[in-house]
Amino acid sequence: MDILNDADVRTILEPHQDGGLISRLCETGEITEKEKTVQALGLLARDVLYSGDEHTAARLLNVAEYVSVTGERPPVPNWTTR
């Protein structure tokens, strides 16, 4: 896994917001329902891979690993300014 910081996570997720768990993470840094978030990211990575973008799929899997390691957390203060 690449070491991701908050800005990396936002950059990777920005074009893939879904109005749900992925958007919540992208917009606020909040992680709720860790397993469902990891699953949503994995499914998104699969779809992106099938569309032919291996690099982005790998980056999305890095975010899934970030979520798995970080665990559930409330919104992160100053998330968008970090």
N, C-alpha and C. Protein backbone atom coordinates (compact mmCIF):
# COMPACT_ATOMS: atom_id res chain seq x y z
N MET A 1 0.84 -1.18 0.00
CA MET A 1 0.00 0.00 0.00
C MET A 1 0.89 1.24 0.00
N ASP A 2 0.52 2.18 -0.82
CA ASP A 2 1.17 3.48 -0.76
C ASP A 2 0.73 4.17 0.52
N ILE A 3 1.60 4.98 1.09
CA ILE A 3 1.23 5.77 2.26
C ILE A 3 0.41 6.96 1.77
N LEU A 4 -0.82 7.05 2.21
CA LEU A 4 -1.71 8.13 1.79
C LEU A 4 -1.88 9.13 2.92
N ASN A 5 -1.93 10.39 2.55
CA ASN A 5 -2.31 11.41 3.52
C ASN A 5 -3.73 11.87 3.19
N ASP A 6 -4.26 12.77 3.99
CA ASP A 6 -5.63 13.23 3.80
C ASP A 6 -5.85 13.83 2.41
N ALA A 7 -4.91 14.62 1.95
CA ALA A 7 -5.04 15.25 0.63
C ALA A 7 -5.07 14.19 -0.48
N ASP A 8 -4.27 13.14 -0.33
CA ASP A 8 -4.28 12.06 -1.32
C ASP A 8 -5.67 11.41 -1.39
N VAL A 9 -6.24 11.13 -0.24
CA VAL A 9 -7.55 10.49 -0.19
C VAL A 9 -8.59 11.37 -0.89
N ARG A 10 -8.59 12.66 -0.56
CA ARG A 10 -9.55 13.58 -1.21
C ARG A 10 -9.35 13.62 -2.72
N THR A 11 -8.11 13.70 -3.16
CA THR A 11 -7.81 13.78 -4.59
C THR A 11 -8.26 12.51 -5.32
N ILE A 12 -7.99 11.37 -4.74
CA ILE A 12 -8.35 10.11 -5.36
C ILE A 12 -9.87 9.96 -5.44
N LEU A 13 -10.56 10.34 -4.39
CA LEU A 13 -12.01 10.12 -4.33
C LEU A 13 -12.84 11.19 -5.01
N GLU A 14 -12.32 12.38 -5.18
CA GLU A 14 -13.09 13.50 -5.73
C GLU A 14 -13.91 13.13 -6.98
N PRO A 15 -13.32 12.50 -7.98
CA PRO A 15 -14.11 12.21 -9.19
C PRO A 15 -15.05 11.01 -9.04
N HIS A 16 -15.06 10.37 -7.88
CA HIS A 16 -15.84 9.15 -7.70
C HIS A 16 -16.89 9.26 -6.61
N GLN A 17 -17.29 10.46 -6.26
CA GLN A 17 -18.27 10.62 -5.19
C GLN A 17 -19.58 9.97 -5.58
N ASP A 18 -20.18 9.31 -4.61
CA ASP A 18 -21.37 8.50 -4.86
C ASP A 18 -22.60 8.99 -4.09
N GLY A 19 -22.45 10.06 -3.33
CA GLY A 19 -23.57 10.53 -2.51
C GLY A 19 -23.74 9.72 -1.24
N GLY A 20 -22.84 8.79 -0.98
CA GLY A 20 -22.94 7.92 0.19
C GLY A 20 -21.64 7.89 0.97
N LEU A 21 -21.20 6.69 1.30
CA LEU A 21 -20.03 6.52 2.15
C LEU A 21 -18.75 7.07 1.54
N ILE A 22 -18.58 6.90 0.24
CA ILE A 22 -17.38 7.42 -0.42
C ILE A 22 -17.39 8.94 -0.39
N SER A 23 -18.53 9.54 -0.65
CA SER A 23 -18.63 11.00 -0.59
C SER A 23 -18.37 11.52 0.81
N ARG A 24 -18.91 10.84 1.80
CA ARG A 24 -18.71 11.27 3.19
C ARG A 24 -17.22 11.28 3.53
N LEU A 25 -16.52 10.24 3.13
CA LEU A 25 -15.08 10.19 3.38
C LEU A 25 -14.37 11.31 2.63
N CYS A 26 -14.71 11.50 1.38
CA CYS A 26 -14.06 12.53 0.56
C CYS A 26 -14.29 13.93 1.12
N GLU A 27 -15.52 14.20 1.53
CA GLU A 27 -15.89 15.56 1.94
C GLU A 27 -15.52 15.90 3.37
N THR A 28 -15.55 14.90 4.28
CA THR A 28 -15.37 15.21 5.70
C THR A 28 -14.30 14.39 6.40
N GLY A 29 -13.83 13.33 5.75
CA GLY A 29 -12.90 12.43 6.41
C GLY A 29 -13.56 11.43 7.33
N GLU A 30 -14.87 11.53 7.46
CA GLU A 30 -15.61 10.62 8.34
C GLU A 30 -15.63 9.22 7.74
N ILE A 31 -15.43 8.23 8.59
CA ILE A 31 -15.54 6.84 8.17
C ILE A 31 -16.59 6.19 9.07
N THR A 32 -17.72 5.88 8.46
CA THR A 32 -18.76 5.13 9.17
C THR A 32 -18.93 3.81 8.45
N GLU A 33 -19.35 2.82 9.17
CA GLU A 33 -19.54 1.50 8.56
C GLU A 33 -18.30 1.09 7.77
N LYS A 34 -17.21 0.91 8.49
CA LYS A 34 -15.91 0.63 7.86
C LYS A 34 -15.99 -0.46 6.81
N GLU A 35 -16.60 -1.57 7.14
CA GLU A 35 -16.63 -2.70 6.20
C GLU A 35 -17.41 -2.35 4.94
N LYS A 36 -18.52 -1.62 5.09
CA LYS A 36 -19.29 -1.22 3.91
C LYS A 36 -18.53 -0.21 3.06
N THR A 37 -17.76 0.65 3.71
CA THR A 37 -16.95 1.62 2.98
C THR A 37 -15.85 0.90 2.20
N VAL A 38 -15.19 -0.04 2.83
CA VAL A 38 -14.16 -0.82 2.15
C VAL A 38 -14.78 -1.57 0.97
N GLN A 39 -15.95 -2.15 1.17
CA GLN A 39 -16.63 -2.88 0.11
C GLN A 39 -17.00 -1.94 -1.05
N ALA A 40 -17.52 -0.77 -0.74
CA ALA A 40 -17.89 0.20 -1.78
C ALA A 40 -16.66 0.62 -2.59
N LEU A 41 -15.55 0.83 -1.90
CA LEU A 41 -14.32 1.20 -2.59
C LEU A 41 -13.81 0.05 -3.46
N GLY A 42 -13.93 -1.17 -2.97
CA GLY A 42 -13.51 -2.33 -3.75
C GLY A 42 -14.34 -2.51 -5.01
N LEU A 43 -15.64 -2.33 -4.88
CA LEU A 43 -16.52 -2.43 -6.05
C LEU A 43 -16.22 -1.32 -7.06
N LEU A 44 -15.98 -0.13 -6.55
CA LEU A 44 -15.63 0.98 -7.43
C LEU A 44 -14.31 0.69 -8.14
N ALA A 45 -13.34 0.19 -7.41
CA ALA A 45 -12.04 -0.15 -8.01
C ALA A 45 -12.22 -1.20 -9.10
N ARG A 46 -13.07 -2.18 -8.85
CA ARG A 46 -13.34 -3.21 -9.86
C ARG A 46 -13.92 -2.58 -11.14
N ASP A 47 -14.91 -1.70 -10.97
CA ASP A 47 -15.54 -1.06 -12.12
C ASP A 47 -14.53 -0.22 -12.90
N VAL A 48 -13.69 0.51 -12.16
CA VAL A 48 -12.67 1.35 -12.81
C VAL A 48 -11.66 0.46 -13.54
N LEU A 49 -11.28 -0.64 -12.92
CA LEU A 49 -10.35 -1.57 -13.57
C LEU A 49 -10.95 -2.12 -14.86
N TYR A 50 -12.22 -2.51 -14.81
CA TYR A 50 -12.89 -3.03 -16.00
C TYR A 50 -12.98 -1.99 -17.10
N SER A 51 -12.98 -0.72 -16.72
CA SER A 51 -13.01 0.33 -17.74
C SER A 51 -11.62 0.57 -18.34
N GLY A 52 -10.60 -0.08 -17.78
CA GLY A 52 -9.26 0.00 -18.34
C GLY A 52 -8.28 0.90 -17.61
N ASP A 53 -8.66 1.44 -16.47
CA ASP A 53 -7.79 2.37 -15.75
C ASP A 53 -7.17 1.66 -14.54
N GLU A 54 -6.11 0.92 -14.79
CA GLU A 54 -5.45 0.15 -13.73
C GLU A 54 -4.87 1.03 -12.63
N HIS A 55 -4.29 2.16 -13.02
CA HIS A 55 -3.66 3.05 -12.03
C HIS A 55 -4.69 3.57 -11.03
N THR A 56 -5.81 4.07 -11.52
CA THR A 56 -6.83 4.60 -10.62
C THR A 56 -7.43 3.48 -9.76
N ALA A 57 -7.63 2.31 -10.34
CA ALA A 57 -8.15 1.18 -9.57
C ALA A 57 -7.21 0.85 -8.41
N ALA A 58 -5.91 0.85 -8.68
CA ALA A 58 -4.93 0.57 -7.63
C ALA A 58 -4.98 1.64 -6.55
N ARG A 59 -5.13 2.89 -6.95
CA ARG A 59 -5.21 3.99 -5.97
C ARG A 59 -6.47 3.86 -5.11
N LEU A 60 -7.58 3.46 -5.72
CA LEU A 60 -8.81 3.25 -4.95
C LEU A 60 -8.64 2.11 -3.95
N LEU A 61 -7.92 1.08 -4.33
CA LEU A 61 -7.64 0.00 -3.39
C LEU A 61 -6.73 0.48 -2.26
N ASN A 62 -5.84 1.41 -2.56
CA ASN A 62 -5.03 2.02 -1.50
C ASN A 62 -5.91 2.76 -0.50
N VAL A 63 -6.93 3.45 -1.00
CA VAL A 63 -7.86 4.15 -0.11
C VAL A 63 -8.63 3.12 0.73
N ALA A 64 -9.02 2.01 0.12
CA ALA A 64 -9.72 0.95 0.87
C ALA A 64 -8.84 0.44 2.01
N GLU A 65 -7.55 0.27 1.75
CA GLU A 65 -6.62 -0.16 2.79
C GLU A 65 -6.49 0.92 3.88
N TYR A 66 -6.44 2.18 3.47
CA TYR A 66 -6.39 3.31 4.40
C TYR A 66 -7.60 3.26 5.34
N VAL A 67 -8.79 3.03 4.78
CA VAL A 67 -10.01 2.95 5.58
C VAL A 67 -9.94 1.76 6.53
N SER A 68 -9.48 0.64 6.03
CA SER A 68 -9.39 -0.56 6.85
C SER A 68 -8.46 -0.36 8.04
N VAL A 69 -7.33 0.27 7.79
CA VAL A 69 -6.35 0.52 8.86
C VAL A 69 -6.83 1.60 9.82
N THR A 70 -7.43 2.66 9.29
CA THR A 70 -7.86 3.80 10.09
C THR A 70 -9.05 3.45 10.97
N GLY A 71 -10.00 2.73 10.42
CA GLY A 71 -11.19 2.36 11.16
C GLY A 71 -12.21 3.49 11.20
N GLU A 72 -13.30 3.24 11.89
CA GLU A 72 -14.37 4.23 11.95
C GLU A 72 -13.92 5.43 12.77
N ARG A 73 -14.37 6.60 12.31
CA ARG A 73 -14.04 7.84 13.01
C ARG A 73 -15.06 8.91 12.63
N PRO A 74 -15.22 9.91 13.49
CA PRO A 74 -16.13 11.02 13.18
C PRO A 74 -15.50 11.94 12.13
N PRO A 75 -16.26 12.93 11.67
CA PRO A 75 -15.67 13.90 10.74
C PRO A 75 -14.38 14.47 11.32
N VAL A 76 -13.41 14.70 10.44
CA VAL A 76 -12.10 15.20 10.85
C VAL A 76 -12.10 16.72 10.78
N PRO A 77 -11.82 17.40 11.90
CA PRO A 77 -11.77 18.86 11.87
C PRO A 77 -10.76 19.35 10.82
N ASN A 78 -11.13 20.36 10.09
CA ASN A 78 -10.26 20.98 9.07
C ASN A 78 -9.84 20.01 7.98
N TRP A 79 -10.65 18.99 7.71
CA TRP A 79 -10.33 17.97 6.71
C TRP A 79 -9.97 18.59 5.36
N THR A 80 -10.73 19.57 4.92
CA THR A 80 -10.50 20.13 3.58
C THR A 80 -9.34 21.13 3.54
N THR A 81 -8.81 21.50 4.69
CA THR A 81 -7.69 22.46 4.69
C THR A 81 -6.38 21.79 5.06
N ARG A 82 -6.36 20.51 5.20
CA ARG A 82 -5.14 19.79 5.57
C ARG A 82 -4.31 19.50 4.37
